[in-house]
Amino acid sequence: MVNMDALANFVETLDSNPEYEDDQFAFSFDDARVYCERHKSHFRLEIGSAIFELPRM
């Protein structure tokens, strides 16, 4: 199970991380594969069949 607090903290760093410049990318977190789409106001995260939307700061 993914630690959502830790994932939210990590997502806050995506806009400033040159490793994640694309608007669609995937990464591993807590042994889970996360697919991410960057939108104007939020990040859309898919972890397995679960979908989360976290605001961009």
C-alpha atoms as a PDB file:
ATOM      1  CA  MET A   1       0.000   0.000   0.000  1.00  0.00           C
ATOM      2  CA  VAL A   2       1.296   3.428  -0.927  1.00  0.00           C
ATOM      3  CA  ASN A   3       1.836   5.998   1.821  1.00  0.00           C
ATOM      4  CA  MET A   4      -0.364   8.799   0.454  1.00  0.00           C
ATOM      5  CA  ASP A   5       1.159  11.519   2.665  1.00  0.00           C
ATOM      6  CA  ALA A   6       4.636  10.672   1.419  1.00  0.00           C
ATOM      7  CA  LEU A   7       3.369  10.482  -2.168  1.00  0.00           C
ATOM      8  CA  ALA A   8       1.709  13.911  -1.854  1.00  0.00           C
ATOM      9  CA  ASN A   9       4.997  15.355  -0.554  1.00  0.00           C
ATOM     10  CA  PHE A  10       6.860  13.793  -3.485  1.00  0.00           C
ATOM     11  CA  VAL A  11       4.332  15.093  -6.029  1.00  0.00           C
ATOM     12  CA  GLU A  12       4.936  18.647  -4.763  1.00  0.00           C
ATOM     13  CA  THR A  13       8.513  18.363  -6.090  1.00  0.00           C
ATOM     14  CA  LEU A  14       7.612  17.194  -9.610  1.00  0.00           C
ATOM     15  CA  ASP A  15       7.350  20.655 -11.189  1.00  0.00           C
ATOM     16  CA  SER A  16      10.882  21.533 -10.130  1.00  0.00           C
ATOM     17  CA  ASN A  17      12.467  18.165 -10.947  1.00  0.00           C
ATOM     18  CA  PRO A  18      14.047  18.052 -14.444  1.00  0.00           C
ATOM     19  CA  GLU A  19      13.673  14.262 -14.450  1.00  0.00           C
ATOM     20  CA  TYR A  20       9.895  14.732 -14.799  1.00  0.00           C
ATOM     21  CA  GLU A  21       9.638  17.418 -17.502  1.00  0.00           C
ATOM     22  CA  ASP A  22       7.059  15.624 -19.651  1.00  0.00           C
ATOM     23  CA  ASP A  23       3.332  16.061 -19.055  1.00  0.00           C
ATOM     24  CA  GLN A  24       2.874  12.279 -18.893  1.00  0.00           C
ATOM     25  CA  PHE A  25       5.315   9.973 -17.155  1.00  0.00           C
ATOM     26  CA  ALA A  26       5.584   7.043 -14.775  1.00  0.00           C
ATOM     27  CA  PHE A  27       7.650   6.414 -11.677  1.00  0.00           C
ATOM     28  CA  SER A  28       8.027   3.857  -8.896  1.00  0.00           C
ATOM     29  CA  PHE A  29       7.011   4.787  -5.355  1.00  0.00           C
ATOM     30  CA  ASP A  30       6.701   2.476  -2.327  1.00  0.00           C
ATOM     31  CA  ASP A  31       7.079  -0.559  -4.636  1.00  0.00           C
ATOM     32  CA  ALA A  32       4.127   0.632  -6.745  1.00  0.00           C
ATOM     33  CA  ARG A  33       4.191   1.871 -10.323  1.00  0.00           C
ATOM     34  CA  VAL A  34       2.551   5.298 -10.622  1.00  0.00           C
ATOM     35  CA  TYR A  35       1.395   6.772 -13.930  1.00  0.00           C
ATOM     36  CA  CYS A  36       1.156  10.563 -13.762  1.00  0.00           C
ATOM     37  CA  GLU A  37      -0.450  13.181 -15.982  1.00  0.00           C
ATOM     38  CA  ARG A  38       0.347  16.832 -15.360  1.00  0.00           C
ATOM     39  CA  HIS A  39      -2.653  19.144 -15.808  1.00  0.00           C
ATOM     40  CA  LYS A  40      -2.842  22.914 -15.394  1.00  0.00           C
ATOM     41  CA  SER A  41      -4.288  22.759 -11.880  1.00  0.00           C
ATOM     42  CA  HIS A  42      -3.518  19.223 -10.690  1.00  0.00           C
ATOM     43  CA  PHE A  43      -1.662  15.951 -11.120  1.00  0.00           C
ATOM     44  CA  ARG A  44      -3.705  12.887 -12.049  1.00  0.00           C
ATOM     45  CA  LEU A  45      -2.139   9.751 -10.582  1.00  0.00           C
ATOM     46  CA  GLU A  46      -3.022   6.167 -11.429  1.00  0.00           C
ATOM     47  CA  ILE A  47      -1.854   3.422  -9.100  1.00  0.00           C
ATOM     48  CA  GLY A  48      -3.239   0.147 -10.334  1.00  0.00           C
ATOM     49  CA  SER A  49      -6.972   0.767 -10.770  1.00  0.00           C
ATOM     50  CA  ALA A  50      -7.058   3.635  -8.252  1.00  0.00           C
ATOM     51  CA  ILE A  51      -7.066   7.222  -9.544  1.00  0.00           C
ATOM     52  CA  PHE A  52      -6.092  10.247  -7.452  1.00  0.00           C
ATOM     53  CA  GLU A  53      -5.979  13.934  -8.297  1.00  0.00           C
ATOM     54  CA  LEU A  54      -3.615  16.102  -6.293  1.00  0.00           C
ATOM     55  CA  PRO A  55      -3.488  19.900  -6.685  1.00  0.00           C
ATOM     56  CA  ARG A  56      -0.416  21.564  -8.148  1.00  0.00           C
ATOM     57  CA  MET A  57       1.221  24.009  -5.787  1.00  0.00           C
END
